[in-house]
């Protein structure tokens, strides 16, 4: 079973294939993106994993301020902030390996690949930190394996959210949790099915 299938199974998410034109996204980045990221975006779209982790979507629109390309463009426009990522550099396209942002969380955590256009994207490690003043953590895992462990492994410190819910879930993009009762409906369900 693939890590994507495990994520879908454990969250009870309902996959719904989305047509994403990856060619212009990858042309702008100067590299192909990992296949598991592409598949997860295509099957589940945006949203929050266990109400916590948000996978940045490959939005190309100029007005989109929350996607993978927005983060890439912003980092290129503001090289003066590169020191915030030390000892890593920021990914700058072919010939400039570095961090490429793929996710963020509700507590200022950020998740990156250590991307290199000359290397098979399936081999890009995950580099993450809880917030801007915490140390970096490197994982020689795929993005989907990292996400699965984050959702299910109580010992996956410091990134586990396994103890925050009875069962991991996928909060779809646009769905807001505004009350304790709504959170409990999502976080404490044990039936394995999505909330209707």
Protein backbone atom coordinates (compact mmCIF):
# COMPACT_ATOMS: atom_id res chain seq x y z
CA UNK A 1 0.00 0.00 0.00
CA UNK A 2 1.39 3.44 -0.92
CA UNK A 3 1.77 6.25 1.63
CA UNK A 4 -0.96 8.14 -0.24
CA UNK A 5 -3.34 5.20 0.14
CA UNK A 6 -2.48 4.98 3.83
CA UNK A 7 -3.24 8.70 4.31
CA UNK A 8 -6.59 8.33 2.54
CA UNK A 9 -7.46 5.24 4.56
CA UNK A 10 -6.50 6.63 7.95
CA UNK A 11 -8.23 10.01 7.40
CA UNK A 12 -11.37 8.58 5.82
CA UNK A 13 -10.98 11.21 3.08
CA UNK A 14 -12.97 10.84 -0.11
CA UNK A 15 -10.63 11.17 -3.08
CA UNK A 16 -12.00 13.26 -5.91
CA UNK A 17 -9.71 13.58 -8.91
CA UNK A 18 -8.86 17.21 -9.78
CA UNK A 19 -7.33 18.15 -13.09
CA UNK A 20 -4.18 20.13 -12.39
CA UNK A 21 -2.05 21.41 -15.24
CA UNK A 22 1.37 20.65 -13.80
CA UNK A 23 3.37 21.67 -16.90
CA UNK A 24 3.37 25.47 -16.31
CA UNK A 25 3.94 25.03 -12.56
CA UNK A 26 6.94 22.80 -13.10
CA UNK A 27 8.22 24.97 -15.95
CA UNK A 28 8.30 27.98 -13.63
CA UNK A 29 10.06 25.96 -10.93
CA UNK A 30 12.49 24.43 -13.40
CA UNK A 31 11.89 20.94 -12.03
CA UNK A 32 9.30 18.22 -11.78
CA UNK A 33 7.69 17.88 -8.37
CA UNK A 34 7.57 14.66 -6.35
CA UNK A 35 4.93 12.27 -7.66
CA UNK A 36 3.38 11.77 -4.21
CA UNK A 37 2.79 15.52 -3.82
CA UNK A 38 1.21 15.67 -7.26
CA UNK A 39 -1.03 12.71 -6.48
CA UNK A 40 -2.12 14.00 -3.07
CA UNK A 41 -2.98 17.44 -4.53
CA UNK A 42 -4.86 15.80 -7.40
CA UNK A 43 -6.83 13.43 -5.17
CA UNK A 44 -7.57 15.51 -2.07
CA UNK A 45 -6.94 19.12 -3.06
CA UNK A 46 -6.48 21.69 -0.32
CA UNK A 47 -7.50 21.48 3.27
CA UNK A 48 -6.04 20.68 6.65
CA UNK A 49 -4.84 17.26 7.74
CA UNK A 50 -6.20 16.67 11.26
CA UNK A 51 -7.20 20.34 11.21
CA UNK A 52 -3.49 21.20 11.46
CA UNK A 53 -1.23 20.63 8.45
CA UNK A 54 -1.97 22.41 5.17
CA UNK A 55 -0.47 21.18 1.95
CA UNK A 56 0.37 24.18 -0.27
CA UNK A 57 -1.46 23.86 -3.56
CA UNK A 58 0.16 24.52 -6.96
CA UNK A 59 -1.83 27.70 -7.61
CA UNK A 60 -0.66 29.73 -10.62
CA UNK A 61 -3.04 32.68 -10.34
CA UNK A 62 -1.32 35.97 -9.51
CA UNK A 63 -3.93 36.65 -6.82
CA UNK A 64 -3.26 33.35 -5.02
CA UNK A 65 -1.24 34.20 -1.92
CA UNK A 66 -1.17 30.83 -0.25
CA UNK A 67 0.21 28.35 -2.74
CA UNK A 68 3.47 26.67 -3.58
CA UNK A 69 4.24 29.06 -6.44
CA UNK A 70 3.44 32.14 -4.33
CA UNK A 71 5.96 30.99 -1.72
CA UNK A 72 8.58 30.28 -4.42
CA UNK A 73 8.02 33.67 -6.06
CA UNK A 74 8.07 35.50 -2.74
CA UNK A 75 11.37 33.91 -1.75
CA UNK A 76 12.89 34.93 -5.09
CA UNK A 77 11.65 38.53 -4.68
CA UNK A 78 13.08 38.81 -1.18
CA UNK A 79 16.60 37.33 -1.16
CA UNK A 80 17.35 39.45 1.91
CA UNK A 81 15.41 36.89 3.99
CA UNK A 82 17.56 33.94 2.87
CA UNK A 83 19.52 34.05 6.14
CA UNK A 84 16.40 33.00 8.02
CA UNK A 85 16.76 29.55 6.45
CA UNK A 86 20.42 28.93 7.38
CA UNK A 87 22.16 26.60 7.12
CA UNK A 88 20.04 25.93 4.04
CA UNK A 89 19.66 28.01 0.92
CA UNK A 90 16.32 28.61 -0.77
CA UNK A 91 15.53 26.71 -3.94
CA UNK A 92 16.11 29.02 -6.88
CA UNK A 93 15.54 26.82 -9.89
CA UNK A 94 17.97 24.62 -11.82
CA UNK A 95 21.49 25.10 -10.53
CA UNK A 96 20.36 26.47 -7.16
CA UNK A 97 19.32 23.66 -4.85
CA UNK A 98 17.61 24.54 -1.59
CA UNK A 99 14.39 24.61 0.36
CA UNK A 100 11.11 24.48 -1.56
CA UNK A 101 8.04 25.08 0.61
CA UNK A 102 5.27 22.44 0.42
CA UNK A 103 3.35 22.84 3.68
CA UNK A 104 2.57 24.88 6.76
CA UNK A 105 0.68 24.33 9.97
CA UNK A 106 -1.52 26.11 12.46
CA UNK A 107 1.37 26.85 14.85
CA UNK A 108 3.81 28.51 12.43
CA UNK A 109 5.53 25.28 11.46
CA UNK A 110 6.87 25.07 7.91
CA UNK A 111 7.65 22.07 5.75
CA UNK A 112 10.04 21.98 2.78
CA UNK A 113 11.78 19.67 0.41
CA UNK A 114 15.51 20.00 0.06
CA UNK A 115 14.95 20.34 -3.67
CA UNK A 116 17.54 19.93 -6.39
CA UNK A 117 16.49 19.93 -10.05
CA UNK A 118 19.42 17.59 -10.83
CA UNK A 119 18.14 14.90 -8.45
CA UNK A 120 15.11 12.61 -8.78
CA UNK A 121 12.35 14.42 -6.80
CA UNK A 122 11.42 11.10 -5.15
CA UNK A 123 14.77 11.37 -3.31
CA UNK A 124 14.24 14.91 -1.99
CA UNK A 125 14.30 14.81 1.82
CA UNK A 126 11.84 16.72 4.01
CA UNK A 127 13.25 19.60 6.06
CA UNK A 128 10.97 21.11 8.70
CA UNK A 129 10.87 23.24 11.82
CA UNK A 130 8.20 24.13 14.33
CA UNK A 131 8.71 27.89 13.98
CA UNK A 132 11.34 30.36 12.80
CA UNK A 133 13.47 30.15 15.93
CA UNK A 134 13.51 26.38 16.32
CA UNK A 135 16.22 24.18 14.78
CA UNK A 136 15.69 22.45 11.46
CA UNK A 137 14.90 18.74 11.32
CA UNK A 138 15.79 16.68 8.27
CA UNK A 139 13.96 13.47 7.36
CA UNK A 140 15.00 11.16 4.56
CA UNK A 141 11.35 10.39 3.89
CA UNK A 142 8.97 11.26 1.10
CA UNK A 143 6.48 14.05 1.80
CA UNK A 144 3.59 11.56 2.00
CA UNK A 145 5.46 9.26 4.40
CA UNK A 146 6.27 12.28 6.58
CA UNK A 147 2.59 13.36 6.59
CA UNK A 148 1.43 9.84 7.46
CA UNK A 149 3.82 9.63 10.43
CA UNK A 150 2.83 13.11 11.56
CA UNK A 151 -0.82 12.06 11.65
CA UNK A 152 -0.42 8.61 13.20
CA UNK A 153 2.88 8.19 15.06
CA UNK A 154 2.83 9.39 18.68
CA UNK A 155 6.65 9.20 18.78
CA UNK A 156 7.22 11.32 15.65
CA UNK A 157 8.52 14.25 17.69
CA UNK A 158 8.44 17.17 17.39
CA UNK A 159 5.88 17.00 14.57
CA UNK A 160 3.32 14.45 15.70
CA UNK A 161 -0.33 15.46 16.00
CA UNK A 162 -1.47 11.88 16.61
CA UNK A 163 -2.61 12.57 20.18
CA UNK A 164 -4.81 15.53 19.21
CA UNK A 165 -7.58 13.46 17.62
CA UNK A 166 -9.21 10.08 18.10
CA UNK A 167 -8.57 9.46 14.42
CA UNK A 168 -6.79 11.59 11.77
CA UNK A 169 -9.12 13.45 9.43
CA UNK A 170 -9.05 15.70 6.41
CA UNK A 171 -10.78 19.06 6.86
CA UNK A 172 -11.64 20.13 3.30
CA UNK A 173 -10.60 23.52 1.99
CA UNK A 174 -13.19 26.15 2.84
CA UNK A 175 -14.63 24.27 5.84
CA UNK A 176 -14.21 26.26 9.04
CA UNK A 177 -14.23 24.94 12.58
CA UNK A 178 -15.51 27.72 14.82
CA UNK A 179 -16.77 25.96 17.95
CA UNK A 180 -15.54 23.32 20.36
CA UNK A 181 -18.47 21.14 19.34
CA UNK A 182 -17.45 21.28 15.67
CA UNK A 183 -13.85 20.43 16.57
CA UNK A 184 -15.03 17.49 18.66
CA UNK A 185 -17.23 16.27 15.80
CA UNK A 186 -14.18 16.11 13.53
CA UNK A 187 -11.43 15.20 15.98
CA UNK A 188 -13.18 12.62 18.10
CA UNK A 189 -15.06 10.60 15.52
CA UNK A 190 -14.19 6.93 15.55
CA UNK A 191 -16.31 5.64 12.64
CA UNK A 192 -13.62 6.26 10.01
CA UNK A 193 -15.99 8.12 7.71
CA UNK A 194 -15.86 11.79 6.76
CA UNK A 195 -18.20 14.29 8.36
CA UNK A 196 -21.21 14.90 6.12
